[in-house]
Amino acid sequence: MGMESRHTYSPAEELDLKMVIALLRTVKALEAGLAPCFAGWGVTSAQFGVLEFLYHKGPARISAIIAKTLSSGGNMTVVVRNLERAGLVRRRRDEEDGRAALVELTPRGEKLMSSLFPEHLVVLRKFFSRLGDREKRGVIDALKALGDR
């Protein structure tokens, strides 16, 4: 027995609703696929986002990390504090602005990411393997069109 809707929508509305469901299911599936990789290295997805940013971009202020990662500002201080406790990042005074602090990877954080990131790439390759390069570019273009507000 199918789950029939108690409400009727136009074809355009139906399509929009199906898009939302497809997007959210894909995000959940991706998160589920990545979770074991992160857990195996003892980090959360939010912590990985910070580590990945610092690994590729270098030291940064927390405000820049918030702007460029998928974490909310409210929990970023906690995420960074937990990474500090784990010895993966440290804060140091920003030479350009003594009131601000820069967050940077420690040698331990750099070593962790040099092992974790290649594993992350393997998980992504497997997850996206059903799509060809042209399809991937089409999805990227479509999502960018939606995100540019």
Protein backbone atom coordinates (compact mmCIF):
# COMPACT_ATOMS: atom_id res chain seq x y z
CA MET A 1 0.00 0.00 0.00
CA GLY A 2 1.57 3.31 -1.13
CA MET A 3 1.54 6.46 0.90
CA GLU A 4 -0.87 8.61 -1.08
CA SER A 5 -0.90 12.31 -0.24
CA ARG A 6 -4.03 13.74 1.31
CA HIS A 7 -3.35 16.96 -0.60
CA THR A 8 -3.02 17.79 -4.28
CA TYR A 9 -0.30 20.01 -5.75
CA SER A 10 0.47 21.32 -9.21
CA PRO A 11 3.07 19.45 -11.29
CA ALA A 12 5.56 22.27 -10.63
CA GLU A 13 4.95 22.06 -6.87
CA GLU A 14 5.26 18.25 -6.95
CA LEU A 15 8.60 18.60 -8.73
CA ASP A 16 9.87 21.12 -6.16
CA LEU A 17 8.82 18.82 -3.32
CA LYS A 18 10.58 15.86 -4.98
CA MET A 19 13.73 18.00 -5.36
CA VAL A 20 13.78 18.77 -1.64
CA ILE A 21 13.40 15.11 -0.74
CA ALA A 22 16.08 14.03 -3.24
CA LEU A 23 18.54 16.65 -1.97
CA LEU A 24 17.99 15.85 1.69
CA ARG A 25 18.21 12.08 1.13
CA THR A 26 21.46 12.57 -0.79
CA VAL A 27 22.96 14.69 1.98
CA LYS A 28 21.94 12.07 4.58
CA ALA A 29 23.41 9.27 2.47
CA LEU A 30 26.66 11.18 2.02
CA GLU A 31 26.89 11.92 5.74
CA ALA A 32 26.25 8.25 6.51
CA GLY A 33 28.94 7.22 4.03
CA LEU A 34 31.49 9.61 5.52
CA ALA A 35 30.71 8.97 9.20
CA PRO A 36 32.69 5.69 9.51
CA CYS A 37 35.73 7.31 7.91
CA PHE A 38 35.65 10.22 10.37
CA ALA A 39 34.84 8.01 13.35
CA GLY A 40 37.76 5.75 12.47
CA TRP A 41 40.06 8.74 12.98
CA GLY A 42 38.19 9.98 16.08
CA VAL A 43 36.77 13.19 14.60
CA THR A 44 33.28 14.48 13.96
CA SER A 45 32.17 15.85 10.60
CA ALA A 46 32.28 19.42 12.01
CA GLN A 47 35.82 18.83 13.29
CA PHE A 48 36.81 17.40 9.92
CA GLY A 49 35.45 20.54 8.22
CA VAL A 50 37.76 22.72 10.34
CA LEU A 51 40.75 20.40 9.89
CA GLU A 52 40.18 20.19 6.13
CA PHE A 53 39.96 23.98 5.82
CA LEU A 54 43.19 24.52 7.78
CA TYR A 55 44.92 21.66 5.93
CA HIS A 56 44.22 23.27 2.56
CA LYS A 57 44.15 27.00 3.39
CA GLY A 58 46.54 27.33 6.34
CA PRO A 59 46.06 29.31 9.56
CA ALA A 60 42.84 31.32 9.75
CA ARG A 61 40.66 33.31 12.09
CA ILE A 62 37.59 31.55 13.46
CA SER A 63 35.38 34.01 11.54
CA ALA A 64 36.96 32.86 8.24
CA ILE A 65 36.52 29.22 9.20
CA ILE A 66 32.84 29.82 9.97
CA ALA A 67 32.33 31.63 6.65
CA LYS A 68 33.99 28.93 4.56
CA THR A 69 32.86 25.71 6.25
CA LEU A 70 29.48 24.06 6.75
CA SER A 71 29.42 24.61 10.51
CA SER A 72 27.32 27.14 12.34
CA GLY A 73 29.08 29.91 14.20
CA GLY A 74 27.49 28.96 17.49
CA ASN A 75 29.20 25.61 17.75
CA MET A 76 32.51 26.59 16.09
CA THR A 77 34.11 27.69 19.36
CA VAL A 78 33.28 24.30 20.88
CA VAL A 79 34.57 22.45 17.81
CA VAL A 80 37.87 24.35 17.87
CA ARG A 81 38.21 23.93 21.65
CA ASN A 82 37.74 20.16 21.30
CA LEU A 83 40.31 20.03 18.49
CA GLU A 84 42.71 21.98 20.74
CA ARG A 85 42.15 19.49 23.58
CA ALA A 86 42.92 16.65 21.14
CA GLY A 87 46.17 18.40 20.20
CA LEU A 88 45.15 18.77 16.54
CA VAL A 89 44.98 22.59 16.37
CA ARG A 90 46.32 25.52 18.34
CA ARG A 91 45.50 29.20 18.57
CA ARG A 92 48.11 31.90 18.22
CA ARG A 93 47.94 35.69 18.15
CA ASP A 94 47.32 37.20 14.71
CA GLU A 95 50.39 39.36 14.03
CA GLU A 96 48.30 41.70 11.82
CA ASP A 97 45.66 42.23 14.53
CA GLY A 98 46.77 41.54 18.10
CA ARG A 99 43.14 41.33 19.26
CA ALA A 100 42.45 38.36 16.99
CA ALA A 101 43.67 34.80 17.12
CA LEU A 102 44.57 32.48 14.29
CA VAL A 103 43.78 28.78 14.42
CA GLU A 104 46.35 26.46 12.86
CA LEU A 105 47.04 22.75 12.60
CA THR A 106 49.60 21.32 14.97
CA PRO A 107 52.12 18.83 13.60
CA ARG A 108 49.82 16.12 14.99
CA GLY A 109 46.84 17.63 13.13
CA GLU A 110 48.86 17.86 9.92
CA LYS A 111 49.89 14.20 10.27
CA LEU A 112 46.30 13.10 10.93
CA MET A 113 45.02 14.96 7.85
CA SER A 114 47.78 13.61 5.61
CA SER A 115 46.39 10.14 6.37
CA LEU A 116 42.68 10.93 6.75
CA PHE A 117 42.23 13.12 3.68
CA PRO A 118 43.26 10.46 1.12
CA GLU A 119 40.82 8.05 2.79
CA HIS A 120 38.13 10.75 2.57
CA LEU A 121 38.80 11.06 -1.18
CA VAL A 122 38.33 7.29 -1.61
CA VAL A 123 34.94 7.45 0.15
CA LEU A 124 33.88 10.36 -2.07
CA ARG A 125 35.04 8.58 -5.24
CA LYS A 126 32.95 5.54 -4.28
CA PHE A 127 29.90 7.63 -3.31
CA PHE A 128 29.89 9.60 -6.56
CA SER A 129 30.91 6.68 -8.79
CA ARG A 130 27.43 6.33 -10.32
CA LEU A 131 27.83 9.69 -12.03
CA GLY A 132 30.10 10.53 -14.95
CA ASP A 133 32.14 13.72 -15.08
CA ARG A 134 29.55 15.50 -17.25
CA GLU A 135 26.76 14.59 -14.80
CA LYS A 136 28.85 15.77 -11.87
CA ARG A 137 29.48 19.12 -13.57
CA GLY A 138 25.74 19.42 -14.29
CA VAL A 139 24.85 18.78 -10.65
CA ILE A 140 27.49 21.27 -9.48
CA ASP A 141 26.19 23.93 -11.90
CA ALA A 142 22.58 23.32 -10.85
CA LEU A 143 23.39 23.48 -7.14
CA LYS A 144 25.47 26.63 -7.59
CA ALA A 145 22.52 28.22 -9.41
CA LEU A 146 20.32 27.41 -6.41
CA GLY A 147 22.87 28.61 -3.86
CA ASP A 148 23.68 31.95 -5.49
CA ARG A 149 21.25 34.31 -3.84
